[in-house]
PDB file of N, CA and C in Angstrom:
ATOM      1  N   MET A   1     -16.636 -10.852   9.134  1.00  0.00           N
ATOM      2  CA  MET A   1     -15.865  -9.938   8.443  1.00  0.00           C
ATOM      3  C   MET A   1     -14.503 -10.557   8.172  1.00  0.00           C
ATOM      4  N   ARG A   2     -13.965 -11.403   9.071  1.00  0.00           N
ATOM      5  CA  ARG A   2     -12.769 -12.137   8.878  1.00  0.00           C
ATOM      6  C   ARG A   2     -12.903 -13.257   7.802  1.00  0.00           C
ATOM      7  N   ALA A   3     -14.089 -13.940   7.811  1.00  0.00           N
ATOM      8  CA  ALA A   3     -14.383 -14.907   6.792  1.00  0.00           C
ATOM      9  C   ALA A   3     -14.424 -14.232   5.432  1.00  0.00           C
ATOM     10  N   ALA A   4     -15.109 -13.082   5.415  1.00  0.00           N
ATOM     11  CA  ALA A   4     -15.184 -12.280   4.082  1.00  0.00           C
ATOM     12  C   ALA A   4     -13.929 -11.994   3.531  1.00  0.00           C
ATOM     13  N   LEU A   5     -12.895 -11.553   4.388  1.00  0.00           N
ATOM     14  CA  LEU A   5     -11.661 -11.391   3.968  1.00  0.00           C
ATOM     15  C   LEU A   5     -10.825 -12.550   3.384  1.00  0.00           C
ATOM     16  N   HIS A   6     -11.216 -13.680   4.068  1.00  0.00           N
ATOM     17  CA  HIS A   6     -10.480 -14.853   3.757  1.00  0.00           C
ATOM     18  C   HIS A   6     -11.040 -15.367   2.320  1.00  0.00           C
ATOM     19  N   GLU A   7     -12.359 -15.269   2.220  1.00  0.00           N
ATOM     20  CA  GLU A   7     -13.076 -15.645   0.975  1.00  0.00           C
ATOM     21  C   GLU A   7     -12.407 -14.755  -0.198  1.00  0.00           C
ATOM     22  N   ALA A   8     -12.111 -13.479   0.106  1.00  0.00           N
ATOM     23  CA  ALA A   8     -11.613 -12.579  -0.805  1.00  0.00           C
ATOM     24  C   ALA A   8     -10.226 -12.754  -1.150  1.00  0.00           C
ATOM     25  N   GLY A   9      -9.498 -13.655  -0.372  1.00  0.00           N
ATOM     26  CA  GLY A   9      -8.083 -14.009  -0.538  1.00  0.00           C
ATOM     27  C   GLY A   9      -7.266 -12.964   0.037  1.00  0.00           C
ATOM     28  N   MET A  10      -7.687 -12.217   0.953  1.00  0.00           N
ATOM     29  CA  MET A  10      -6.887 -11.121   1.552  1.00  0.00           C
ATOM     30  C   MET A  10      -6.539 -11.345   2.928  1.00  0.00           C
ATOM     31  N   THR A  11      -5.293 -11.035   3.470  1.00  0.00           N
ATOM     32  CA  THR A  11      -4.888 -11.118   4.821  1.00  0.00           C
ATOM     33  C   THR A  11      -5.471 -10.036   5.554  1.00  0.00           C
ATOM     34  N   VAL A  12      -5.472 -10.073   6.844  1.00  0.00           N
ATOM     35  CA  VAL A  12      -5.861  -8.950   7.705  1.00  0.00           C
ATOM     36  C   VAL A  12      -4.774  -7.733   7.438  1.00  0.00           C
ATOM     37  N   GLU A  13      -3.625  -8.125   7.320  1.00  0.00           N
ATOM     38  CA  GLU A  13      -2.562  -7.071   6.988  1.00  0.00           C
ATOM     39  C   GLU A  13      -2.864  -6.349   5.728  1.00  0.00           C
ATOM     40  N   GLU A  14      -3.130  -7.183   4.684  1.00  0.00           N
ATOM     41  CA  GLU A  14      -3.356  -6.479   3.365  1.00  0.00           C
ATOM     42  C   GLU A  14      -4.570  -5.513   3.423  1.00  0.00           C
ATOM     43  N   ALA A  15      -5.641  -6.177   3.997  1.00  0.00           N
ATOM     44  CA  ALA A  15      -6.809  -5.408   4.153  1.00  0.00           C
ATOM     45  C   ALA A  15      -6.686  -4.048   4.928  1.00  0.00           C
ATOM     46  N   ALA A  16      -5.951  -4.185   6.008  1.00  0.00           N
ATOM     47  CA  ALA A  16      -5.744  -3.026   6.862  1.00  0.00           C
ATOM     48  C   ALA A  16      -5.043  -1.953   6.134  1.00  0.00           C
ATOM     49  N   LEU A  17      -4.042  -2.244   5.431  1.00  0.00           N
ATOM     50  CA  LEU A  17      -3.201  -1.370   4.529  1.00  0.00           C
ATOM     51  C   LEU A  17      -4.104  -0.714   3.556  1.00  0.00           C
ATOM     52  N   ARG A  18      -4.928  -1.434   2.834  1.00  0.00           N
ATOM     53  CA  ARG A  18      -5.808  -0.934   1.896  1.00  0.00           C
ATOM     54  C   ARG A  18      -7.075  -0.123   2.491  1.00  0.00           C
ATOM     55  N   ALA A  19      -7.418  -0.354   3.652  1.00  0.00           N
ATOM     56  CA  ALA A  19      -8.502   0.332   4.272  1.00  0.00           C
ATOM     57  C   ALA A  19      -8.015   1.556   5.177  1.00  0.00           C
ATOM     58  N   HIS A  20      -6.677   1.818   4.961  1.00  0.00           N
ATOM     59  CA  HIS A  20      -5.990   2.955   5.604  1.00  0.00           C
ATOM     60  C   HIS A  20      -6.103   2.922   7.170  1.00  0.00           C
ATOM     61  N   MET A  21      -5.716   1.648   7.724  1.00  0.00           N
ATOM     62  CA  MET A  21      -5.672   1.586   9.186  1.00  0.00           C
ATOM     63  C   MET A  21      -4.451   0.608   9.391  1.00  0.00           C
ATOM     64  N   SER A  22      -4.097   0.547  10.754  1.00  0.00           N
ATOM     65  CA  SER A  22      -2.957  -0.384  11.062  1.00  0.00           C
ATOM     66  C   SER A  22      -3.513  -1.812  11.151  1.00  0.00           C
ATOM     67  N   ALA A  23      -2.712  -2.706  10.943  1.00  0.00           N
ATOM     68  CA  ALA A  23      -3.096  -4.125  11.178  1.00  0.00           C
ATOM     69  C   ALA A  23      -3.538  -4.386  12.541  1.00  0.00           C
ATOM     70  N   SER A  24      -2.847  -3.868  13.596  1.00  0.00           N
ATOM     71  CA  SER A  24      -3.196  -4.086  14.950  1.00  0.00           C
ATOM     72  C   SER A  24      -4.541  -3.554  15.235  1.00  0.00           C
ATOM     73  N   SER A  25      -4.805  -2.376  14.650  1.00  0.00           N
ATOM     74  CA  SER A  25      -6.126  -1.711  14.832  1.00  0.00           C
ATOM     75  C   SER A  25      -7.303  -2.658  14.262  1.00  0.00           C
ATOM     76  N   LEU A  26      -7.083  -3.276  12.971  1.00  0.00           N
ATOM     77  CA  LEU A  26      -8.080  -4.038  12.435  1.00  0.00           C
ATOM     78  C   LEU A  26      -8.224  -5.309  13.277  1.00  0.00           C
ATOM     79  N   TYR A  27      -7.137  -5.881  13.700  1.00  0.00           N
ATOM     80  CA  TYR A  27      -7.213  -7.085  14.504  1.00  0.00           C
ATOM     81  C   TYR A  27      -8.142  -6.741  15.708  1.00  0.00           C
ATOM     82  N   ARG A  28      -7.887  -5.624  16.312  1.00  0.00           N
ATOM     83  CA  ARG A  28      -8.772  -5.346  17.602  1.00  0.00           C
ATOM     84  C   ARG A  28     -10.220  -5.181  17.212  1.00  0.00           C
ATOM     85  N   LYS A  29     -10.392  -4.689  16.094  1.00  0.00           N
ATOM     86  CA  LYS A  29     -11.875  -4.414  15.733  1.00  0.00           C
ATOM     87  C   LYS A  29     -12.504  -5.785  15.193  1.00  0.00           C
ATOM     88  N   LEU A  30     -11.732  -6.636  14.590  1.00  0.00           N
ATOM     89  CA  LEU A  30     -12.293  -8.003  14.324  1.00  0.00           C
ATOM     90  C   LEU A  30     -12.574  -8.803  15.570  1.00  0.00           C
ATOM     91  N   ARG A  31     -11.791  -8.527  16.700  1.00  0.00           N
ATOM     92  CA  ARG A  31     -12.015  -9.245  17.946  1.00  0.00           C
ATOM     93  C   ARG A  31     -13.038  -8.644  18.765  1.00  0.00           C
ATOM     94  N   GLY A  32     -13.574  -7.533  18.243  1.00  0.00           N
ATOM     95  CA  GLY A  32     -14.636  -6.805  18.995  1.00  0.00           C
ATOM     96  C   GLY A  32     -14.082  -6.007  20.108  1.00  0.00           C
ATOM     97  N   GLU A  33     -12.812  -5.794  20.194  1.00  0.00           N
ATOM     98  CA  GLU A  33     -12.242  -4.948  21.378  1.00  0.00           C
ATOM     99  C   GLU A  33     -12.342  -3.447  21.010  1.00  0.00           C
ATOM    100  N   ARG A  34     -12.595  -3.093  19.785  1.00  0.00           N
ATOM    101  CA  ARG A  34     -12.810  -1.716  19.387  1.00  0.00           C
ATOM    102  C   ARG A  34     -14.061  -1.718  18.345  1.00  0.00           C
ATOM    103  N   HIS A  35     -14.546  -0.475  18.294  1.00  0.00           N
ATOM    104  CA  HIS A  35     -15.663  -0.325  17.298  1.00  0.00           C
ATOM    105  C   HIS A  35     -14.979  -0.043  16.000  1.00  0.00           C
ATOM    106  N   ILE A  36     -15.727  -0.366  14.978  1.00  0.00           N
ATOM    107  CA  ILE A  36     -15.285  -0.011  13.558  1.00  0.00           C
ATOM    108  C   ILE A  36     -16.225   1.165  13.111  1.00  0.00           C
ATOM    109  N   THR A  37     -15.496   2.143  12.490  1.00  0.00           N
ATOM    110  CA  THR A  37     -16.342   3.217  11.940  1.00  0.00           C
ATOM    111  C   THR A  37     -16.931   2.737  10.728  1.00  0.00           C
ATOM    112  N   PHE A  38     -18.011   3.707  10.363  1.00  0.00           N
ATOM    113  CA  PHE A  38     -18.713   3.401   9.116  1.00  0.00           C
ATOM    114  C   PHE A  38     -17.801   3.541   7.853  1.00  0.00           C
ATOM    115  N   THR A  39     -16.898   4.398   7.846  1.00  0.00           N
ATOM    116  CA  THR A  39     -15.986   4.408   6.775  1.00  0.00           C
ATOM    117  C   THR A  39     -15.051   3.274   6.736  1.00  0.00           C
ATOM    118  N   GLU A  40     -14.544   2.721   7.799  1.00  0.00           N
ATOM    119  CA  GLU A  40     -13.770   1.502   7.786  1.00  0.00           C
ATOM    120  C   GLU A  40     -14.679   0.379   7.310  1.00  0.00           C
ATOM    121  N   LEU A  41     -15.874   0.306   7.806  1.00  0.00           N
ATOM    122  CA  LEU A  41     -16.837  -0.825   7.360  1.00  0.00           C
ATOM    123  C   LEU A  41     -16.990  -0.797   5.843  1.00  0.00           C
ATOM    124  N   VAL A  42     -17.120   0.366   5.335  1.00  0.00           N
ATOM    125  CA  VAL A  42     -17.282   0.609   3.840  1.00  0.00           C
ATOM    126  C   VAL A  42     -16.049   0.210   3.124  1.00  0.00           C
ATOM    127  N   HIS A  43     -14.891   0.504   3.616  1.00  0.00           N
ATOM    128  CA  HIS A  43     -13.622   0.079   3.009  1.00  0.00           C
ATOM    129  C   HIS A  43     -13.565  -1.410   2.935  1.00  0.00           C
ATOM    130  N   ILE A  44     -13.853  -2.086   4.047  1.00  0.00           N
ATOM    131  CA  ILE A  44     -13.783  -3.519   4.091  1.00  0.00           C
ATOM    132  C   ILE A  44     -14.881  -4.210   3.180  1.00  0.00           C
ATOM    133  N   ALA A  45     -15.993  -3.645   3.052  1.00  0.00           N
ATOM    134  CA  ALA A  45     -17.052  -4.079   2.245  1.00  0.00           C
ATOM    135  C   ALA A  45     -16.552  -3.957   0.710  1.00  0.00           C
ATOM    136  N   VAL A  46     -15.981  -2.961   0.390  1.00  0.00           N
ATOM    137  CA  VAL A  46     -15.496  -2.736  -0.920  1.00  0.00           C
ATOM    138  C   VAL A  46     -14.283  -3.778  -1.333  1.00  0.00           C
ATOM    139  N   LEU A  47     -13.480  -3.974  -0.369  1.00  0.00           N
ATOM    140  CA  LEU A  47     -12.391  -4.905  -0.503  1.00  0.00           C
ATOM    141  C   LEU A  47     -12.915  -6.376  -0.712  1.00  0.00           C
ATOM    142  N   THR A  48     -14.004  -6.631  -0.075  1.00  0.00           N
ATOM    143  CA  THR A  48     -14.515  -8.038  -0.111  1.00  0.00           C
ATOM    144  C   THR A  48     -15.543  -8.241  -1.010  1.00  0.00           C
ATOM    145  N   GLY A  49     -15.969  -7.062  -1.642  1.00  0.00           N
ATOM    146  CA  GLY A  49     -17.095  -7.174  -2.732  1.00  0.00           C
ATOM    147  C   GLY A  49     -18.547  -7.528  -2.167  1.00  0.00           C
ATOM    148  N   ARG A  50     -18.603  -7.072  -0.906  1.00  0.00           N
ATOM    149  CA  ARG A  50     -19.901  -7.228  -0.179  1.00  0.00           C
ATOM    150  C   ARG A  50     -20.527  -5.901   0.008  1.00  0.00           C
ATOM    151  N   HIS A  51     -21.841  -5.820   0.438  1.00  0.00           N
ATOM    152  CA  HIS A  51     -22.504  -4.717   0.834  1.00  0.00           C
ATOM    153  C   HIS A  51     -22.176  -4.414   2.333  1.00  0.00           C
ATOM    154  N   PRO A  52     -22.053  -3.259   2.753  1.00  0.00           N
ATOM    155  CA  PRO A  52     -21.703  -3.059   4.144  1.00  0.00           C
ATOM    156  C   PRO A  52     -22.732  -3.658   5.171  1.00  0.00           C
ATOM    157  N   SER A  53     -24.011  -3.666   4.755  1.00  0.00           N
ATOM    158  CA  SER A  53     -25.054  -4.326   5.618  1.00  0.00           C
ATOM    159  C   SER A  53     -24.753  -5.795   5.775  1.00  0.00           C
ATOM    160  N   SER A  54     -24.139  -6.419   4.898  1.00  0.00           N
ATOM    161  CA  SER A  54     -23.884  -7.831   5.131  1.00  0.00           C
ATOM    162  C   SER A  54     -23.085  -8.105   6.365  1.00  0.00           C
ATOM    163  N   PHE A  55     -22.423  -7.112   6.913  1.00  0.00           N
ATOM    164  CA  PHE A  55     -21.646  -7.360   8.192  1.00  0.00           C
ATOM    165  C   PHE A  55     -22.398  -6.972   9.513  1.00  0.00           C
ATOM    166  N   LEU A  56     -23.581  -6.469   9.343  1.00  0.00           N
ATOM    167  CA  LEU A  56     -24.426  -6.104  10.427  1.00  0.00           C
ATOM    168  C   LEU A  56     -25.373  -7.089  10.874  1.00  0.00           C
ATOM    169  N   ARG A  57     -25.453  -7.164  12.154  1.00  0.00           N
ATOM    170  CA  ARG A  57     -26.391  -8.107  12.831  1.00  0.00           C
ATOM    171  C   ARG A  57     -27.758  -7.621  12.821  1.00  0.00           C
ATOM    172  N   ASP A  58     -28.826  -8.363  12.508  1.00  0.00           N
ATOM    173  CA  ASP A  58     -30.213  -7.909  12.725  1.00  0.00           C
ATOM    174  C   ASP A  58     -30.518  -7.831  14.248  1.00  0.00           C
ATOM    175  N   LEU A  59     -30.900  -6.596  14.575  1.00  0.00           N
ATOM    176  CA  LEU A  59     -31.213  -6.415  16.058  1.00  0.00           C
ATOM    177  C   LEU A  59     -32.368  -7.339  16.505  1.00  0.00           C
ATOM    178  N   ASP A  60     -33.155  -7.831  15.700  1.00  0.00           N
ATOM    179  CA  ASP A  60     -34.277  -8.596  16.017  1.00  0.00           C
ATOM    180  C   ASP A  60     -33.869 -10.016  16.335  1.00  0.00           C
ATOM    181  N   GLU A  61     -32.541 -10.305  15.940  1.00  0.00           N
ATOM    182  CA  GLU A  61     -32.070 -11.679  16.171  1.00  0.00           C
ATOM    183  C   GLU A  61     -30.996 -11.666  17.359  1.00  0.00           C
ATOM    184  N   ARG A  62     -31.610 -11.376  18.514  1.00  0.00           N
ATOM    185  CA  ARG A  62     -30.727 -11.322  19.659  1.00  0.00           C
ATOM    186  C   ARG A  62     -30.338 -12.729  20.212  1.00  0.00           C
ATOM    187  N   PRO A  63     -29.206 -12.933  20.628  1.00  0.00           N
ATOM    188  CA  PRO A  63     -28.874 -14.257  21.160  1.00  0.00           C
ATOM    189  C   PRO A  63     -29.638 -14.606  22.433  1.00  0.00           C
TER     190      PRO A  63
END
């Protein structure tokens, strides 16, 4: 997700503002410290021009 924001030319701070959350909250979600809601995921997908599913891991591809 962080790479997608970078490719879209957006900072985390800009994305957070446009996705209606605080920058600190988005930073925590990007680090995996908090879960991202579906609504937040859709906001980030729209901002980056991607489909929400592009940010989801395939459960069959476990590490």
